[in-house]
Amino acid sequence: MTKKWKIILYILGIIGLLMHIIGTYTFSMSAGGINQIFKGYLNVSCILYSIGLFVFIKYDLVKIMKFNPIKKVVNYLDSYTLGIYLIYYFVLISLEKIFHINMASIITRLVLPIIILIISVMIIWLIRKIPIVKRIVP
């Protein structure tokens, strides 16, 4: 893929992501709840930023992975990905029930995934320390 087309697709991806975020926020604030206009996998905004992300991963992620701190984090999390995938939802629901989290908040949507990732890794790390269970848990 030429550099020109990658740049075009990156710009369209950023436009799609901004449409999704700003559009959802704007319409949701006026509606008093989460508006579904920009939600869904077949929505134009989702398709645009998905294409941009795909092109980035396919062609340029290797360049970023050369930076040592990012490489270390990715390599560390590599062995936890299946476990994170399996327990992410349960951690999310538990945090929501315990702390009565407002899931519509923009801060929650930006910060909570990082918190859930950290908690998930800690849970998997602890589970792997149990002799019998560590043979079962990925």
Protein backbone atom coordinates (compact mmCIF):
# COMPACT_ATOMS: atom_id res chain seq x y z
CA MET A 1 0.00 0.00 0.00
CA THR A 2 1.36 3.41 -0.90
CA LYS A 3 2.05 6.03 1.74
CA LYS A 4 -0.60 8.29 0.17
CA TRP A 5 -3.36 5.67 0.63
CA LYS A 6 -2.27 4.88 4.18
CA ILE A 7 -2.48 8.57 5.10
CA ILE A 8 -5.93 8.86 3.49
CA LEU A 9 -7.17 5.80 5.38
CA TYR A 10 -5.66 7.06 8.65
CA ILE A 11 -7.41 10.41 8.21
CA LEU A 12 -10.71 8.66 7.43
CA GLY A 13 -10.18 6.46 10.48
CA ILE A 14 -9.64 9.47 12.73
CA ILE A 15 -12.70 11.18 11.23
CA GLY A 16 -14.74 8.02 11.85
CA LEU A 17 -13.55 7.78 15.46
CA LEU A 18 -14.30 11.46 16.09
CA MET A 19 -17.74 11.04 14.49
CA HIS A 20 -18.41 8.14 16.83
CA ILE A 21 -17.18 9.86 20.01
CA ILE A 22 -18.42 13.40 19.40
CA GLY A 23 -21.64 12.29 17.70
CA THR A 24 -22.55 9.85 20.46
CA TYR A 25 -21.72 12.41 23.15
CA THR A 26 -23.66 15.23 21.47
CA PHE A 27 -26.78 13.21 20.72
CA SER A 28 -26.67 11.44 24.09
CA MET A 29 -26.46 14.69 26.04
CA SER A 30 -29.51 16.10 24.25
CA ALA A 31 -31.43 12.81 24.61
CA GLY A 32 -30.56 12.33 28.29
CA GLY A 33 -29.22 8.80 27.68
CA ILE A 34 -26.91 6.90 25.38
CA ASN A 35 -28.03 7.51 21.82
CA GLN A 36 -27.56 4.62 19.40
CA ILE A 37 -27.16 6.61 16.15
CA PHE A 38 -23.38 6.04 15.99
CA LYS A 39 -23.43 2.57 17.56
CA GLY A 40 -23.21 -0.71 15.69
CA TYR A 41 -20.63 -2.55 13.61
CA LEU A 42 -22.14 -1.57 10.26
CA ASN A 43 -22.25 2.14 11.04
CA VAL A 44 -20.16 4.36 8.75
CA SER A 45 -18.11 5.76 11.64
CA CYS A 46 -17.29 2.26 12.92
CA ILE A 47 -16.30 1.03 9.48
CA LEU A 48 -14.04 4.05 8.92
CA TYR A 49 -12.11 3.74 12.16
CA SER A 50 -11.95 -0.04 11.86
CA ILE A 51 -10.31 0.27 8.44
CA GLY A 52 -7.87 2.87 9.79
CA LEU A 53 -7.00 0.64 12.73
CA PHE A 54 -6.58 -2.42 10.50
CA VAL A 55 -4.23 -0.57 8.15
CA PHE A 56 -2.25 0.74 11.14
CA ILE A 57 -1.87 -2.73 12.66
CA LYS A 58 -0.98 -4.33 9.33
CA TYR A 59 1.59 -1.78 8.17
CA ASP A 60 2.86 0.40 11.03
CA LEU A 61 2.53 -1.45 14.34
CA VAL A 62 5.94 -3.05 13.79
CA LYS A 63 7.56 0.39 13.90
CA ILE A 64 6.00 1.18 17.28
CA MET A 65 6.91 -2.24 18.68
CA LYS A 66 10.58 -1.36 18.22
CA PHE A 67 10.37 1.06 21.19
CA ASN A 68 11.61 -0.91 24.18
CA PRO A 69 9.04 0.20 26.84
CA ILE A 70 6.08 -0.63 24.60
CA LYS A 71 7.67 -3.91 23.59
CA LYS A 72 8.16 -4.88 27.24
CA VAL A 73 4.52 -4.14 28.14
CA VAL A 74 3.18 -6.03 25.13
CA ASN A 75 5.46 -9.00 25.76
CA TYR A 76 4.43 -9.09 29.43
CA LEU A 77 0.71 -8.95 28.61
CA ASP A 78 1.11 -11.54 25.86
CA SER A 79 0.84 -14.46 28.27
CA TYR A 80 -2.24 -12.93 29.94
CA THR A 81 -4.40 -12.17 26.89
CA LEU A 82 -6.59 -15.27 26.95
CA GLY A 83 -7.15 -14.96 30.69
CA ILE A 84 -7.97 -11.26 30.35
CA TYR A 85 -10.43 -12.09 27.60
CA LEU A 86 -12.11 -14.73 29.74
CA ILE A 87 -12.54 -12.68 32.93
CA TYR A 88 -12.82 -9.10 31.61
CA TYR A 89 -16.62 -9.11 31.56
CA PHE A 90 -16.89 -10.53 35.08
CA VAL A 91 -14.51 -7.91 36.45
CA LEU A 92 -16.52 -5.20 34.68
CA ILE A 93 -19.84 -6.39 36.12
CA SER A 94 -18.34 -6.80 39.60
CA LEU A 95 -16.88 -3.28 39.62
CA GLU A 96 -20.14 -1.86 38.34
CA LYS A 97 -22.13 -3.55 41.13
CA ILE A 98 -19.68 -2.83 43.94
CA PHE A 99 -19.00 0.82 43.13
CA HIS A 100 -22.30 1.69 41.36
CA ILE A 101 -20.38 3.07 38.39
CA ASN A 102 -22.11 5.37 35.90
CA MET A 103 -21.36 3.55 32.66
CA ALA A 104 -22.50 6.54 30.57
CA SER A 105 -19.72 8.77 31.91
CA ILE A 106 -16.98 9.63 29.43
CA ILE A 107 -14.36 9.37 32.19
CA THR A 108 -15.60 5.89 33.06
CA ARG A 109 -15.42 4.84 29.43
CA LEU A 110 -11.82 6.04 29.12
CA VAL A 111 -10.38 4.99 32.49
CA LEU A 112 -12.32 1.84 33.43
CA PRO A 113 -10.82 -0.40 30.69
CA ILE A 114 -7.32 0.32 32.02
CA ILE A 115 -8.41 -0.43 35.59
CA ILE A 116 -10.12 -3.64 34.48
CA LEU A 117 -7.00 -4.68 32.56
CA ILE A 118 -4.81 -4.18 35.64
CA ILE A 119 -7.25 -6.03 37.93
CA SER A 120 -7.58 -8.87 35.42
CA VAL A 121 -3.81 -9.31 35.16
CA MET A 122 -3.53 -9.31 38.97
CA ILE A 123 -6.28 -11.94 39.30
CA ILE A 124 -4.69 -14.18 36.67
CA TRP A 125 -1.27 -13.75 38.29
CA LEU A 126 -2.72 -14.79 41.66
CA ILE A 127 -4.59 -17.75 40.17
CA ARG A 128 -1.39 -18.95 38.54
CA LYS A 129 0.25 -19.10 41.99
CA ILE A 130 -2.21 -21.80 43.16
CA PRO A 131 -0.48 -25.13 42.42
CA ILE A 132 -3.42 -27.18 41.14
CA VAL A 133 -5.23 -24.34 39.37
CA LYS A 134 -2.18 -23.07 37.49
CA ARG A 135 -2.27 -26.17 35.30
CA ILE A 136 -5.81 -25.31 34.18
CA VAL A 137 -5.72 -21.53 33.86
CA PRO A 138 -4.14 -20.20 30.67
